[in-house]
N, C-alpha and C. Protein backbone atom coordinates (compact mmCIF):
# COMPACT_ATOMS: atom_id res chain seq x y z
N UNK A 1 1.01 -1.37 -0.23
CA UNK A 1 -0.31 0.15 -0.05
C UNK A 1 0.85 1.21 -0.27
N UNK A 2 0.33 2.26 -0.80
CA UNK A 2 1.60 2.97 -0.99
C UNK A 2 0.69 4.52 0.36
N UNK A 3 1.89 5.08 0.48
CA UNK A 3 1.63 6.23 1.35
C UNK A 3 1.50 7.17 0.50
N UNK A 4 0.14 8.23 0.81
CA UNK A 4 -0.23 9.25 0.18
C UNK A 4 0.76 10.58 0.29
N UNK A 5 1.19 11.19 -0.91
CA UNK A 5 2.05 11.88 -0.92
C UNK A 5 1.14 13.22 -0.53
N UNK A 6 0.40 13.70 0.00
CA UNK A 6 0.00 14.89 0.10
C UNK A 6 -0.45 14.92 1.95
N UNK A 7 -0.44 13.82 2.38
CA UNK A 7 -0.77 12.81 3.98
C UNK A 7 -0.32 14.00 4.74
N UNK A 8 -0.95 14.57 6.00
CA UNK A 8 -0.27 15.14 7.02
C UNK A 8 0.20 14.45 7.78
N UNK A 9 1.56 14.47 8.19
CA UNK A 9 1.80 13.64 9.41
C UNK A 9 1.94 14.69 10.38
N UNK A 10 1.04 13.86 11.49
CA UNK A 10 0.86 14.84 12.87
C UNK A 10 2.27 14.38 13.64
N UNK A 11 3.13 14.21 13.23
CA UNK A 11 4.55 14.08 14.02
C UNK A 11 5.03 15.50 14.16
N UNK A 12 5.06 16.20 12.80
CA UNK A 12 5.46 17.20 12.47
C UNK A 12 5.42 18.28 12.82
N UNK A 13 6.36 19.11 13.24
CA UNK A 13 6.26 20.63 14.34
C UNK A 13 6.81 21.72 13.19
N UNK A 14 6.04 22.72 13.28
CA UNK A 14 6.65 23.83 12.45
C UNK A 14 7.03 24.64 13.48
N UNK A 15 8.84 24.74 13.15
CA UNK A 15 9.68 25.67 13.60
C UNK A 15 9.61 27.04 13.25
N UNK A 16 9.89 28.13 14.10
CA UNK A 16 9.99 29.28 13.45
C UNK A 16 11.97 29.75 14.50
N UNK A 17 12.38 29.88 14.18
CA UNK A 17 13.87 29.39 14.70
C UNK A 17 14.11 30.74 15.38
N UNK A 18 14.98 30.72 16.45
CA UNK A 18 15.68 31.75 17.09
C UNK A 18 16.51 32.52 16.05
N UNK A 19 16.50 33.87 15.84
CA UNK A 19 16.96 34.87 15.04
C UNK A 19 15.77 34.77 13.56
N UNK A 20 15.04 34.28 13.66
CA UNK A 20 14.01 34.26 12.41
C UNK A 20 12.63 35.45 12.62
N UNK A 21 12.38 36.36 12.13
CA UNK A 21 11.26 37.08 12.15
C UNK A 21 10.54 37.13 10.93
N UNK A 22 9.30 36.72 11.06
CA UNK A 22 8.14 36.48 10.15
C UNK A 22 6.82 37.76 10.66
N UNK A 23 6.60 38.15 9.34
CA UNK A 23 5.05 39.30 9.52
C UNK A 23 4.37 38.83 8.67
N UNK A 24 3.11 38.49 9.15
CA UNK A 24 2.39 38.17 8.44
C UNK A 24 1.41 36.90 9.24
N UNK A 25 0.23 37.20 8.85
CA UNK A 25 -0.53 35.78 9.38
C UNK A 25 -0.27 34.32 9.42
N UNK A 26 0.04 33.41 10.55
CA UNK A 26 -0.10 32.22 10.18
C UNK A 26 -1.05 30.66 10.20
N UNK A 27 -1.35 30.09 9.50
CA UNK A 27 -2.52 29.12 9.65
C UNK A 27 -1.74 27.65 9.57
N UNK A 28 -2.16 26.53 10.79
CA UNK A 28 -1.72 25.68 10.20
C UNK A 28 -2.85 24.54 11.45
N UNK A 29 -2.47 23.29 10.94
CA UNK A 29 -3.22 22.05 11.07
C UNK A 29 -2.39 21.91 12.32
N UNK A 30 -1.05 21.83 12.30
CA UNK A 30 0.01 21.02 12.96
C UNK A 30 0.47 21.98 14.19
N UNK A 31 1.35 21.14 15.16
CA UNK A 31 1.97 21.97 16.15
C UNK A 31 3.04 23.16 15.91
N UNK A 32 3.02 23.77 16.39
CA UNK A 32 4.08 25.25 16.09
C UNK A 32 4.60 25.60 17.24
N UNK A 33 6.32 25.87 17.15
CA UNK A 33 7.26 26.38 18.19
C UNK A 33 7.78 27.29 17.65
N UNK A 34 7.68 28.39 18.26
CA UNK A 34 8.29 29.88 17.65
C UNK A 34 9.39 30.32 19.07
N UNK A 35 10.67 30.20 18.41
CA UNK A 35 11.73 30.38 19.18
C UNK A 35 12.39 32.04 18.29
N UNK A 36 11.78 32.01 17.43
CA UNK A 36 11.88 33.60 16.54
C UNK A 36 11.09 34.24 17.33
N UNK A 37 10.22 35.63 16.05
CA UNK A 37 9.52 36.46 16.46
C UNK A 37 8.82 36.44 15.14
N UNK A 38 7.38 36.89 15.47
CA UNK A 38 6.55 36.50 14.84
C UNK A 38 5.41 38.02 14.98
N UNK A 39 5.24 38.59 13.88
CA UNK A 39 4.43 39.71 14.13
C UNK A 39 3.24 39.65 12.94
N UNK A 40 2.22 39.22 13.75
CA UNK A 40 0.48 38.70 13.12
C UNK A 40 -0.06 37.73 13.38
N UNK A 41 -1.37 37.42 13.37
CA UNK A 41 -1.89 36.59 14.01
C UNK A 41 -1.56 34.92 13.76
N UNK A 42 -1.79 34.27 14.93
CA UNK A 42 -1.37 32.91 14.83
C UNK A 42 -2.52 31.96 15.12
N UNK A 43 -3.12 30.88 14.25
CA UNK A 43 -4.16 29.90 14.21
C UNK A 43 -3.87 28.67 13.65
N UNK A 44 -4.07 27.41 14.70
CA UNK A 44 -3.59 26.12 14.62
C UNK A 44 -4.58 24.99 15.43
N UNK A 45 -4.92 24.07 14.18
CA UNK A 45 -5.65 23.02 15.64
C UNK A 45 -4.87 22.55 16.25
N UNK A 46 -3.74 22.55 16.63
CA UNK A 46 -2.58 21.65 17.11
C UNK A 46 -2.24 22.83 18.58
N UNK A 47 -1.09 22.61 18.81
CA UNK A 47 -0.72 22.89 20.26
C UNK A 47 0.27 24.31 19.73
N UNK A 48 0.63 24.96 20.62
CA UNK A 48 1.75 26.28 20.03
C UNK A 48 2.51 26.08 21.33
N UNK A 49 4.26 25.99 21.07
CA UNK A 49 4.85 26.75 21.88
C UNK A 49 5.69 28.00 21.67
N UNK A 50 5.76 29.17 22.30
CA UNK A 50 6.63 29.89 22.35
C UNK A 50 7.63 29.74 23.28
N UNK A 51 9.17 29.60 22.95
CA UNK A 51 9.78 29.14 23.53
C UNK A 51 10.41 30.24 24.33
N UNK A 52 11.28 30.67 25.15
CA UNK A 52 12.10 31.44 25.85
C UNK A 52 12.20 32.45 25.32
N UNK A 53 12.75 32.32 24.14
CA UNK A 53 13.48 33.48 23.41
C UNK A 53 12.41 33.82 21.90
N UNK A 54 11.27 33.49 22.40
CA UNK A 54 10.51 33.37 21.20
C UNK A 54 9.22 34.78 21.77
N UNK A 55 8.95 35.30 20.31
CA UNK A 55 8.05 36.75 20.68
C UNK A 55 7.02 36.29 19.69
N UNK A 56 6.00 36.69 19.90
CA UNK A 56 4.68 37.10 19.38
C UNK A 56 3.88 37.99 19.55
N UNK A 57 3.45 38.68 18.66
CA UNK A 57 3.03 40.08 18.75
C UNK A 57 1.70 40.22 17.91
N UNK A 58 0.50 39.58 18.35
CA UNK A 58 -1.19 39.45 17.47
C UNK A 58 -1.79 38.23 18.22
N UNK A 59 -2.80 38.25 17.86
CA UNK A 59 -3.52 37.18 18.08
C UNK A 59 -3.37 35.76 18.27
N UNK A 60 -3.95 34.88 19.21
CA UNK A 60 -3.67 33.19 19.17
C UNK A 60 -4.83 32.96 19.18
N UNK A 61 -5.08 31.94 18.40
CA UNK A 61 -5.88 30.73 18.91
C UNK A 61 -5.20 29.44 18.26
N UNK A 62 -5.28 28.57 19.54
CA UNK A 62 -4.87 27.51 19.26
C UNK A 62 -5.80 26.16 19.95
N UNK A 63 -5.16 25.08 19.96
CA UNK A 63 -6.00 24.10 20.56
C UNK A 63 -5.14 23.91 22.62
N UNK A 64 -3.70 24.01 22.43
CA UNK A 64 -3.46 24.18 23.95
C UNK A 64 -1.90 25.07 23.60
N UNK A 65 -1.24 26.03 24.48
CA UNK A 65 -0.17 26.57 24.32
C UNK A 65 0.43 26.73 25.56
N UNK A 66 2.12 26.71 25.31
CA UNK A 66 3.13 26.72 26.44
C UNK A 66 3.68 28.12 26.09
N UNK A 67 3.62 28.97 26.82
CA UNK A 67 4.67 30.25 26.99
C UNK A 67 5.46 30.79 27.77
N UNK A 68 6.90 30.40 27.39
CA UNK A 68 7.88 30.93 28.03
C UNK A 68 8.74 32.20 27.39
N UNK A 69 8.06 32.83 26.75
CA UNK A 69 8.45 33.54 25.77
C UNK A 69 7.62 34.84 26.21
N UNK A 70 7.69 35.66 25.27
CA UNK A 70 6.79 36.86 25.07
C UNK A 70 5.38 37.39 24.13
N UNK A 71 4.70 37.26 24.79
CA UNK A 71 3.19 37.50 23.63
C UNK A 71 2.20 38.85 24.46
N UNK A 72 1.79 39.18 22.92
CA UNK A 72 1.03 40.71 22.93
C UNK A 72 0.00 40.42 22.26
N UNK A 73 -1.21 40.58 22.50
CA UNK A 73 -2.23 40.04 22.04
C UNK A 73 -3.37 39.24 23.10
N UNK A 74 -4.16 39.19 22.18
CA UNK A 74 -5.46 38.06 22.54
C UNK A 74 -5.15 36.46 22.18
N UNK A 75 -5.85 35.88 23.46
CA UNK A 75 -5.33 34.56 23.37
C UNK A 75 -6.57 33.38 23.42
N UNK A 76 -6.68 32.69 22.57
CA UNK A 76 -8.13 31.79 22.60
C UNK A 76 -7.32 30.57 22.65
N UNK A 77 -7.47 29.72 23.84
CA UNK A 77 -7.00 28.40 23.63
C UNK A 77 -8.08 27.25 24.08
N UNK A 78 -8.67 26.32 23.50
CA UNK A 78 -9.65 25.45 23.98
C UNK A 78 -8.96 24.52 24.97
N UNK A 79 -8.60 23.88 25.38
CA UNK A 79 -7.76 23.62 26.34
C UNK A 79 -7.30 24.18 27.53
N UNK A 80 -5.57 24.47 27.57
CA UNK A 80 -4.83 24.16 28.83
C UNK A 80 -3.75 25.34 28.54
N UNK A 81 -3.53 26.41 28.87
CA UNK A 81 -2.56 27.73 28.54
C UNK A 81 -1.86 27.55 29.68
N UNK A 82 -0.57 27.32 29.55
CA UNK A 82 0.91 27.41 30.33
C UNK A 82 1.75 28.30 30.40
N UNK A 83 1.70 29.10 31.89
CA UNK A 83 2.61 30.41 31.52
C UNK A 83 3.66 29.86 32.56
N UNK A 84 4.94 29.83 31.81
CA UNK A 84 6.16 29.38 32.37
C UNK A 84 6.87 30.48 33.16
N UNK A 85 7.58 30.68 34.06
CA UNK A 85 8.34 31.50 34.85
C UNK A 85 8.91 32.74 34.17
N UNK A 86 9.41 32.41 32.90
CA UNK A 86 10.14 33.31 32.08
C UNK A 86 9.00 34.01 31.16
N UNK A 87 7.86 33.40 31.27
CA UNK A 87 6.82 34.47 30.27
C UNK A 87 6.40 35.69 30.54
N UNK A 88 6.27 36.47 29.53
CA UNK A 88 5.35 38.09 29.69
C UNK A 88 4.84 37.93 28.74
N UNK A 89 3.33 38.08 29.00
CA UNK A 89 1.77 38.05 28.66
C UNK A 89 1.18 39.20 28.85
N UNK A 90 0.75 39.88 27.27
CA UNK A 90 -0.09 40.85 27.69
C UNK A 90 -1.02 40.81 26.40
N UNK A 91 -2.30 40.93 27.56
CA UNK A 91 -3.70 40.71 26.71
C UNK A 91 -4.65 39.81 26.95
N UNK A 92 -5.63 40.07 26.68
CA UNK A 92 -7.28 38.93 26.96
C UNK A 92 -6.78 38.15 26.38
N UNK A 93 -7.31 36.62 27.74
CA UNK A 93 -7.33 35.51 27.55
C UNK A 93 -8.34 34.91 27.83
N UNK A 94 -8.44 33.76 27.13
CA UNK A 94 -9.86 33.15 26.76
C UNK A 94 -9.39 31.57 26.95
N UNK A 95 -9.65 31.13 27.85
CA UNK A 95 -9.14 29.19 27.91
C UNK A 95 -9.77 28.39 28.69
N UNK A 96 -9.86 27.00 28.21
CA UNK A 96 -10.53 26.10 29.26
C UNK A 96 -9.93 26.06 30.63
N UNK A 97 -8.33 25.87 30.41
CA UNK A 97 -7.65 25.92 31.97
C UNK A 97 -6.66 26.72 31.67
N UNK A 98 -5.79 26.83 33.21
CA UNK A 98 -5.14 28.06 32.88
C UNK A 98 -3.77 27.57 34.12
N UNK A 99 -2.47 27.92 33.64
CA UNK A 99 -1.57 27.46 34.75
C UNK A 99 -0.46 28.32 34.94
N UNK A 100 0.00 28.74 35.66
CA UNK A 100 1.07 30.27 36.10
C UNK A 100 2.08 29.80 36.62
N UNK A 101 3.07 29.38 36.40
CA UNK A 101 4.20 29.46 37.13
C UNK A 101 4.78 30.72 38.09
N UNK A 102 5.25 30.43 38.80
CA UNK A 102 5.71 31.94 39.76
C UNK A 102 6.54 32.47 39.01
N UNK A 103 6.60 33.68 39.26
CA UNK A 103 7.57 34.41 38.23
C UNK A 103 7.33 35.03 37.08
N UNK A 104 6.00 34.42 36.56
CA UNK A 104 5.76 34.66 35.17
C UNK A 104 5.24 36.08 35.46
N UNK A 105 4.80 36.78 34.24
CA UNK A 105 4.37 38.11 34.12
C UNK A 105 2.84 38.05 33.89
N UNK A 106 1.91 38.62 33.86
CA UNK A 106 0.37 38.53 32.97
C UNK A 106 -0.06 39.77 33.26
N UNK A 107 -0.87 40.33 32.21
CA UNK A 107 -1.26 41.80 32.00
C UNK A 107 -2.57 41.40 31.22
N UNK A 108 -3.78 41.55 31.83
CA UNK A 108 -5.03 41.21 30.77
C UNK A 108 -6.18 40.74 31.91
N UNK A 109 -6.95 40.07 31.24
CA UNK A 109 -8.25 39.73 31.69
C UNK A 109 -8.42 38.39 31.38
N UNK A 110 -8.51 37.26 32.13
CA UNK A 110 -8.58 35.99 31.69
C UNK A 110 -10.34 35.31 32.27
N UNK A 111 -10.59 34.42 31.42
CA UNK A 111 -12.02 33.80 31.18
C UNK A 111 -11.74 32.47 31.05
N UNK A 112 -12.06 31.68 32.33
CA UNK A 112 -11.87 30.41 31.88
C UNK A 112 -12.96 29.53 31.87
N UNK A 113 -12.81 28.40 31.49
CA UNK A 113 -14.25 27.02 31.78
C UNK A 113 -14.35 26.99 30.50
N UNK A 114 -15.00 25.61 30.29
CA UNK A 114 -15.73 24.89 28.94
C UNK A 114 -16.45 25.57 27.76
N UNK A 115 -17.67 26.24 28.91
CA UNK A 115 -18.27 27.16 28.28
C UNK A 115 -17.72 28.71 27.72
N UNK A 116 -16.67 28.96 27.75
CA UNK A 116 -16.38 30.20 27.36
C UNK A 116 -15.45 30.02 25.88
N UNK A 117 -14.88 28.95 25.98
CA UNK A 117 -14.45 28.64 24.37
C UNK A 117 -15.20 28.76 23.34
N UNK A 118 -16.45 28.10 23.34
CA UNK A 118 -17.33 28.39 22.21
C UNK A 118 -17.83 29.77 21.78
N UNK A 119 -17.16 30.92 22.72
CA UNK A 119 -17.49 32.09 22.22
C UNK A 119 -16.65 32.77 20.66
N UNK A 120 -15.63 32.01 20.45
CA UNK A 120 -14.87 32.36 19.34
C UNK A 120 -15.21 31.60 18.65
């Protein structure tokens, strides 16, 4: 049986490497890791990780998210948002669950719960 050429590999992670700067909106079905800089909105059906050197200026909509870097804009997270010690987040958050480590920085409002994730 031949493998379909255009099949999506769920193990593939899209990476924006440190030193890379992208201006524009990103849309993906897979997971994304940002260690560089993105100026624009980001939407994925998968998981988003913003590394310690990562920076995102724009709205984010995804299934789950872990932030160790800098994010400015609205966050709509269907499941779990994790803010690591080194994170700096400015913007409104709508999420199913929220985890904040001591030392993280967060300015904005937060709405939590299963019913809130259907608002967007």
